[in-house]
Amino acid sequence: MNGSAVEIGTPYGQCPVQSEGFIDGKPYYFRARGASWSIGIGGGDPVTAPDWEYEEDYGEWPEAGYMSEAVAVEFIRKAVRLFRSATAGGGMRAGETPR
């Protein structure tokens, strides 16, 4: 696998919407449910112990759990940009602080 490749797994399900794949050689887990979406990247397990994690509000309960595949992919792409900025020493914008 190319170390700088992004492999986005097709988002699936409802309540939660989920996706798994790889970002720069690290596994990721995306989840959208209720009124927010989140992503964990890397670590021993990107679900329970990610190296990098981000969460953002989305609509009102339970809209996030019904987001479209296209919207989920756009949020994953946004997370890729934030992750790369954070790991390259770049700053985060206000309200976009990884946990």
C-alpha atoms as a PDB file:
ATOM      1  CA  MET A   1       0.000   0.000   0.000  1.00  0.00           C
ATOM      2  CA  ASN A   2       1.214   3.498  -0.825  1.00  0.00           C
ATOM      3  CA  GLY A   3       1.959   5.323   2.438  1.00  0.00           C
ATOM      4  CA  SER A   4       0.120   8.441   1.273  1.00  0.00           C
ATOM      5  CA  ALA A   5      -2.896   6.709  -0.254  1.00  0.00           C
ATOM      6  CA  VAL A   6      -6.484   7.033   0.874  1.00  0.00           C
ATOM      7  CA  GLU A   7      -8.743   4.001   0.582  1.00  0.00           C
ATOM      8  CA  ILE A   8     -12.280   4.968   1.563  1.00  0.00           C
ATOM      9  CA  GLY A   9     -14.515   2.001   2.240  1.00  0.00           C
ATOM     10  CA  THR A  10     -18.071   2.409   0.968  1.00  0.00           C
ATOM     11  CA  PRO A  11     -20.205   3.842   3.788  1.00  0.00           C
ATOM     12  CA  TYR A  12     -22.871   1.376   4.902  1.00  0.00           C
ATOM     13  CA  GLY A  13     -25.763   1.032   7.309  1.00  0.00           C
ATOM     14  CA  GLN A  14     -28.039   3.400   9.125  1.00  0.00           C
ATOM     15  CA  CYS A  15     -27.946   4.394  12.775  1.00  0.00           C
ATOM     16  CA  PRO A  16     -24.986   4.264  12.579  1.00  0.00           C
ATOM     17  CA  VAL A  17     -23.592   4.970   9.130  1.00  0.00           C
ATOM     18  CA  GLN A  18     -20.093   3.404   9.140  1.00  0.00           C
ATOM     19  CA  SER A  19     -17.009   3.192   6.939  1.00  0.00           C
ATOM     20  CA  GLU A  20     -13.633   1.536   7.321  1.00  0.00           C
ATOM     21  CA  GLY A  21     -10.533   1.915   5.199  1.00  0.00           C
ATOM     22  CA  PHE A  22      -7.006   3.325   5.222  1.00  0.00           C
ATOM     23  CA  ILE A  23      -5.558   6.840   5.367  1.00  0.00           C
ATOM     24  CA  ASP A  24      -1.832   7.105   4.706  1.00  0.00           C
ATOM     25  CA  GLY A  25      -1.379   3.436   5.582  1.00  0.00           C
ATOM     26  CA  LYS A  26      -3.312   3.692   8.864  1.00  0.00           C
ATOM     27  CA  PRO A  27      -6.711   2.079   9.402  1.00  0.00           C
ATOM     28  CA  TYR A  28      -9.664   4.389  10.040  1.00  0.00           C
ATOM     29  CA  TYR A  29     -13.187   3.954  11.379  1.00  0.00           C
ATOM     30  CA  PHE A  30     -15.923   6.493  10.547  1.00  0.00           C
ATOM     31  CA  ARG A  31     -19.233   6.541  12.403  1.00  0.00           C
ATOM     32  CA  ALA A  32     -22.264   8.821  12.147  1.00  0.00           C
ATOM     33  CA  ARG A  33     -25.182   8.528  14.536  1.00  0.00           C
ATOM     34  CA  GLY A  34     -27.580  10.798  16.337  1.00  0.00           C
ATOM     35  CA  ALA A  35     -26.408  14.361  15.811  1.00  0.00           C
ATOM     36  CA  SER A  36     -22.678  13.894  15.126  1.00  0.00           C
ATOM     37  CA  TRP A  37     -20.063  12.025  13.146  1.00  0.00           C
ATOM     38  CA  SER A  38     -16.615  10.904  14.245  1.00  0.00           C
ATOM     39  CA  ILE A  39     -13.513   9.266  12.870  1.00  0.00           C
ATOM     40  CA  GLY A  40     -10.607   7.464  14.508  1.00  0.00           C
ATOM     41  CA  ILE A  41      -7.347   6.919  12.637  1.00  0.00           C
ATOM     42  CA  GLY A  42      -4.444   4.606  13.452  1.00  0.00           C
ATOM     43  CA  GLY A  43      -3.552   3.114  16.790  1.00  0.00           C
ATOM     44  CA  GLY A  44      -3.977  -0.444  17.878  1.00  0.00           C
ATOM     45  CA  ASP A  45      -7.697  -0.175  17.111  1.00  0.00           C
ATOM     46  CA  PRO A  46      -9.161   2.922  15.396  1.00  0.00           C
ATOM     47  CA  VAL A  47     -12.502   2.236  17.114  1.00  0.00           C
ATOM     48  CA  THR A  48     -11.362   2.032  20.743  1.00  0.00           C
ATOM     49  CA  ALA A  49      -7.789   3.394  20.806  1.00  0.00           C
ATOM     50  CA  PRO A  50      -7.057   5.599  17.776  1.00  0.00           C
ATOM     51  CA  ASP A  51      -3.887   7.654  17.477  1.00  0.00           C
ATOM     52  CA  TRP A  52      -5.975  10.562  16.167  1.00  0.00           C
ATOM     53  CA  GLU A  53      -9.675  11.240  16.577  1.00  0.00           C
ATOM     54  CA  TYR A  54     -12.133  13.917  15.447  1.00  0.00           C
ATOM     55  CA  GLU A  55     -15.843  14.525  16.053  1.00  0.00           C
ATOM     56  CA  GLU A  56     -18.234  17.093  14.619  1.00  0.00           C
ATOM     57  CA  ASP A  57     -21.913  17.948  15.094  1.00  0.00           C
ATOM     58  CA  TYR A  58     -24.275  17.169  12.219  1.00  0.00           C
ATOM     59  CA  GLY A  59     -27.883  18.300  12.054  1.00  0.00           C
ATOM     60  CA  GLU A  60     -30.354  17.365  14.742  1.00  0.00           C
ATOM     61  CA  TRP A  61     -31.014  13.972  16.315  1.00  0.00           C
ATOM     62  CA  PRO A  62     -31.199  11.482  14.518  1.00  0.00           C
ATOM     63  CA  GLU A  63     -30.125  13.005  11.161  1.00  0.00           C
ATOM     64  CA  ALA A  64     -26.483  11.865  11.274  1.00  0.00           C
ATOM     65  CA  GLY A  65     -27.550   8.227  11.346  1.00  0.00           C
ATOM     66  CA  TYR A  66     -29.277   8.675   8.004  1.00  0.00           C
ATOM     67  CA  MET A  67     -26.666  10.736   6.125  1.00  0.00           C
ATOM     68  CA  SER A  68     -26.094   9.784   2.502  1.00  0.00           C
ATOM     69  CA  GLU A  69     -23.071   7.883   1.262  1.00  0.00           C
ATOM     70  CA  ALA A  70     -21.893  11.001  -0.616  1.00  0.00           C
ATOM     71  CA  VAL A  71     -22.073  13.172   2.509  1.00  0.00           C
ATOM     72  CA  ALA A  72     -20.213  10.559   4.566  1.00  0.00           C
ATOM     73  CA  VAL A  73     -17.437  10.392   1.946  1.00  0.00           C
ATOM     74  CA  GLU A  74     -17.094  14.194   1.981  1.00  0.00           C
ATOM     75  CA  PHE A  75     -16.704  14.148   5.782  1.00  0.00           C
ATOM     76  CA  ILE A  76     -14.077  11.406   5.509  1.00  0.00           C
ATOM     77  CA  ARG A  77     -12.206  13.543   2.962  1.00  0.00           C
ATOM     78  CA  LYS A  78     -12.435  16.508   5.342  1.00  0.00           C
ATOM     79  CA  ALA A  79     -11.000  14.325   8.114  1.00  0.00           C
ATOM     80  CA  VAL A  80      -8.117  13.314   5.826  1.00  0.00           C
ATOM     81  CA  ARG A  81      -7.228  17.002   5.370  1.00  0.00           C
ATOM     82  CA  LEU A  82      -7.449  17.681   9.120  1.00  0.00           C
ATOM     83  CA  PHE A  83      -5.422  14.571   9.967  1.00  0.00           C
ATOM     84  CA  ARG A  84      -2.692  15.433   7.498  1.00  0.00           C
ATOM     85  CA  SER A  85      -2.564  19.018   8.740  1.00  0.00           C
ATOM     86  CA  ALA A  86      -2.311  17.886  12.361  1.00  0.00           C
ATOM     87  CA  THR A  87       0.346  15.247  11.695  1.00  0.00           C
ATOM     88  CA  ALA A  88       2.392  17.682   9.590  1.00  0.00           C
ATOM     89  CA  GLY A  89       2.466  20.151  12.476  1.00  0.00           C
ATOM     90  CA  GLY A  90      -0.190  22.367  10.923  1.00  0.00           C
ATOM     91  CA  GLY A  91      -2.699  24.156  13.081  1.00  0.00           C
ATOM     92  CA  MET A  92      -6.369  23.379  13.398  1.00  0.00           C
ATOM     93  CA  ARG A  93      -9.111  25.908  12.723  1.00  0.00           C
ATOM     94  CA  ALA A  94     -11.283  27.133  15.569  1.00  0.00           C
ATOM     95  CA  GLY A  95     -13.755  24.439  16.547  1.00  0.00           C
ATOM     96  CA  GLU A  96     -11.782  21.708  14.772  1.00  0.00           C
ATOM     97  CA  THR A  97      -9.590  20.367  17.545  1.00  0.00           C
ATOM     98  CA  PRO A  98      -8.776  16.659  17.371  1.00  0.00           C
ATOM     99  CA  ARG A  99      -9.120  14.674  20.577  1.00  0.00           C
END
